[in-house]
C-alpha atoms as a PDB file:
ATOM      1  CA  MET A   1     -53.094  23.297 -32.143  1.00  0.00           C
ATOM      2  CA  ASP A   2     -55.036  23.828 -28.909  1.00  0.00           C
ATOM      3  CA  GLN A   3     -54.208  20.298 -27.737  1.00  0.00           C
ATOM      4  CA  LEU A   4     -50.501  20.893 -28.344  1.00  0.00           C
ATOM      5  CA  THR A   5     -50.492  23.970 -26.116  1.00  0.00           C
ATOM      6  CA  GLN A   6     -52.231  21.965 -23.397  1.00  0.00           C
ATOM      7  CA  PHE A   7     -49.487  19.318 -23.369  1.00  0.00           C
ATOM      8  CA  ALA A   8     -46.567  21.753 -23.810  1.00  0.00           C
ATOM      9  CA  PRO A   9     -45.942  22.146 -20.027  1.00  0.00           C
ATOM     10  CA  ILE A  10     -45.926  18.378 -19.553  1.00  0.00           C
ATOM     11  CA  ILE A  11     -43.547  17.875 -22.486  1.00  0.00           C
ATOM     12  CA  LEU A  12     -41.310  20.650 -21.169  1.00  0.00           C
ATOM     13  CA  MET A  13     -41.326  19.029 -17.717  1.00  0.00           C
ATOM     14  CA  PHE A  14     -40.153  15.686 -19.186  1.00  0.00           C
ATOM     15  CA  ILE A  15     -37.365  17.451 -21.091  1.00  0.00           C
ATOM     16  CA  VAL A  16     -36.181  19.229 -17.923  1.00  0.00           C
ATOM     17  CA  VAL A  17     -36.294  16.003 -15.897  1.00  0.00           C
ATOM     18  CA  TYR A  18     -34.280  14.208 -18.584  1.00  0.00           C
ATOM     19  CA  PHE A  19     -31.520  16.829 -18.782  1.00  0.00           C
ATOM     20  CA  PHE A  20     -31.259  17.534 -15.046  1.00  0.00           C
ATOM     21  CA  MET A  21     -31.833  14.078 -13.548  1.00  0.00           C
ATOM     22  CA  ILE A  22     -31.691  11.144 -15.957  1.00  0.00           C
ATOM     23  CA  ARG A  23     -28.810  12.162 -18.231  1.00  0.00           C
ATOM     24  CA  PRO A  24     -26.353  13.074 -15.412  1.00  0.00           C
ATOM     25  CA  GLN A  25     -27.143   9.774 -13.673  1.00  0.00           C
ATOM     26  CA  MET A  26     -26.411   7.852 -16.880  1.00  0.00           C
ATOM     27  CA  ASN A  27     -23.086   9.699 -17.279  1.00  0.00           C
ATOM     28  CA  ARG A  28     -22.158   8.948 -13.672  1.00  0.00           C
ATOM     29  CA  ALA A  29     -22.963   5.240 -14.106  1.00  0.00           C
ATOM     30  CA  LYS A  30     -20.837   5.160 -17.253  1.00  0.00           C
ATOM     31  CA  LYS A  31     -17.875   6.756 -15.421  1.00  0.00           C
ATOM     32  CA  GLU A  32     -18.206   4.330 -12.479  1.00  0.00           C
ATOM     33  CA  LYS A  33     -18.272   1.347 -14.840  1.00  0.00           C
ATOM     34  CA  GLN A  34     -15.148   2.644 -16.583  1.00  0.00           C
ATOM     35  CA  PHE A  35     -13.429   3.235 -13.213  1.00  0.00           C
ATOM     36  CA  SER A  36     -14.285  -0.299 -12.101  1.00  0.00           C
ATOM     37  CA  SER A  37     -12.895  -1.819 -15.293  1.00  0.00           C
ATOM     38  CA  GLU A  38      -9.638   0.193 -15.020  1.00  0.00           C
ATOM     39  CA  LEU A  39      -8.768  -1.057 -11.527  1.00  0.00           C
ATOM     40  CA  LYS A  40      -5.439  -2.862 -11.316  1.00  0.00           C
ATOM     41  CA  ARG A  41      -3.309  -4.622  -8.724  1.00  0.00           C
ATOM     42  CA  GLY A  42      -1.640  -2.293  -6.274  1.00  0.00           C
ATOM     43  CA  ASP A  43      -4.298   0.450  -6.510  1.00  0.00           C
ATOM     44  CA  ARG A  44      -5.254   1.988  -3.200  1.00  0.00           C
ATOM     45  CA  VAL A  45      -9.031   2.081  -2.892  1.00  0.00           C
ATOM     46  CA  VAL A  46     -11.819   2.934  -0.477  1.00  0.00           C
ATOM     47  CA  THR A  47     -15.060   0.964  -0.409  1.00  0.00           C
ATOM     48  CA  LYS A  48     -18.433   2.662  -0.117  1.00  0.00           C
ATOM     49  CA  SER A  49     -18.590   1.472   3.483  1.00  0.00           C
ATOM     50  CA  GLY A  50     -15.302   3.251   4.254  1.00  0.00           C
ATOM     51  CA  MET A  51     -12.839   0.331   4.255  1.00  0.00           C
ATOM     52  CA  HIS A  52      -9.380   1.403   3.046  1.00  0.00           C
ATOM     53  CA  GLY A  53      -7.021  -1.041   1.382  1.00  0.00           C
ATOM     54  CA  LYS A  54      -4.857  -2.038  -1.556  1.00  0.00           C
ATOM     55  CA  ILE A  55      -5.989  -4.328  -4.379  1.00  0.00           C
ATOM     56  CA  VAL A  56      -4.179  -7.656  -4.212  1.00  0.00           C
ATOM     57  CA  ASP A  57      -6.062  -9.774  -6.743  1.00  0.00           C
ATOM     58  CA  PHE A  58      -9.235 -10.036  -8.831  1.00  0.00           C
ATOM     59  CA  SER A  59     -11.856 -12.741  -9.019  1.00  0.00           C
ATOM     60  CA  ASP A  60     -13.386 -12.486 -12.494  1.00  0.00           C
ATOM     61  CA  LYS A  61     -15.623 -15.465 -11.798  1.00  0.00           C
ATOM     62  CA  GLN A  62     -17.379 -13.610  -8.962  1.00  0.00           C
ATOM     63  CA  ASN A  63     -16.731 -10.096 -10.372  1.00  0.00           C
ATOM     64  CA  ALA A  64     -14.961  -9.310  -7.116  1.00  0.00           C
ATOM     65  CA  VAL A  65     -11.792  -7.655  -5.857  1.00  0.00           C
ATOM     66  CA  ILE A  66      -9.553  -8.972  -3.086  1.00  0.00           C
ATOM     67  CA  ILE A  67      -8.362  -6.075  -0.922  1.00  0.00           C
ATOM     68  CA  GLU A  68      -5.579  -6.207   1.634  1.00  0.00           C
ATOM     69  CA  THR A  69      -6.395  -4.166   4.726  1.00  0.00           C
ATOM     70  CA  GLY A  70      -4.867  -3.851   8.164  1.00  0.00           C
ATOM     71  CA  ALA A  71      -7.086  -6.739   9.270  1.00  0.00           C
ATOM     72  CA  GLY A  72      -6.129  -9.076   6.418  1.00  0.00           C
ATOM     73  CA  LYS A  73      -7.467  -9.873   2.964  1.00  0.00           C
ATOM     74  CA  ILE A  74     -11.144  -9.278   2.290  1.00  0.00           C
ATOM     75  CA  THR A  75     -13.162  -9.914  -0.880  1.00  0.00           C
ATOM     76  CA  PHE A  76     -15.469  -7.136  -2.090  1.00  0.00           C
ATOM     77  CA  ASP A  77     -17.718  -6.842  -5.087  1.00  0.00           C
ATOM     78  CA  ARG A  78     -16.305  -4.458  -7.723  1.00  0.00           C
ATOM     79  CA  SER A  79     -19.380  -2.251  -7.437  1.00  0.00           C
ATOM     80  CA  SER A  80     -18.648  -1.621  -3.747  1.00  0.00           C
ATOM     81  CA  ILE A  81     -15.498   0.402  -4.568  1.00  0.00           C
ATOM     82  CA  SER A  82     -16.169   4.132  -4.299  1.00  0.00           C
ATOM     83  CA  MET A  83     -14.888   6.105  -7.264  1.00  0.00           C
ATOM     84  CA  GLU A  84     -14.917   9.518  -5.539  1.00  0.00           C
ATOM     85  CA  MET A  85     -13.299   8.434  -2.270  1.00  0.00           C
ATOM     86  CA  SER A  86     -10.663   6.331  -4.049  1.00  0.00           C
ATOM     87  CA  ARG A  87      -9.696   9.257  -6.266  1.00  0.00           C
ATOM     88  CA  LYS A  88      -9.434  11.560  -3.247  1.00  0.00           C
ATOM     89  CA  LEU A  89      -7.240   8.991  -1.497  1.00  0.00           C
ATOM     90  CA  ASN A  90      -4.860   8.829  -4.458  1.00  0.00           C
ATOM     91  CA  GLU A  91      -4.640  12.603  -5.028  1.00  0.00           C
ATOM     92  CA  PRO A  92      -1.356  14.164  -4.007  1.00  0.00           C
ATOM     93  CA  ALA A  93      -1.657  16.092  -0.754  1.00  0.00           C
ATOM     94  CA  VAL A  94      -2.063  19.826  -1.262  1.00  0.00           C
ATOM     95  CA  LYS A  95      -0.137  21.972   1.186  1.00  0.00           C
ATOM     96  CA  GLU A  96      -1.928  25.032   2.502  1.00  0.00           C
ATOM     97  CA  THR A  97       0.098  28.146   3.218  1.00  0.00           C
ATOM     98  CA  LYS A  98      -1.006  30.889   5.532  1.00  0.00           C
END
């Protein structure tokens, strides 16, 4: 029983780390994977580097997306599309009243 009380803080620390760090990261990765798989032609997206564009085509062989930008068509890896910034881009504009 004495040994269990010695390791209780360490066990509690692992539980806290799991629920506050590991589990949310796993949920986020799951949502990003789902977002990436739900992309379709015509979606407006933003890459993690800040490039804005519209999806023109997919390359399943390379797991890539072809995006049309102001500069032309560019191929990006699916994982380089930012879920948060793309959702903000596609949200309807909210008008502020003062």
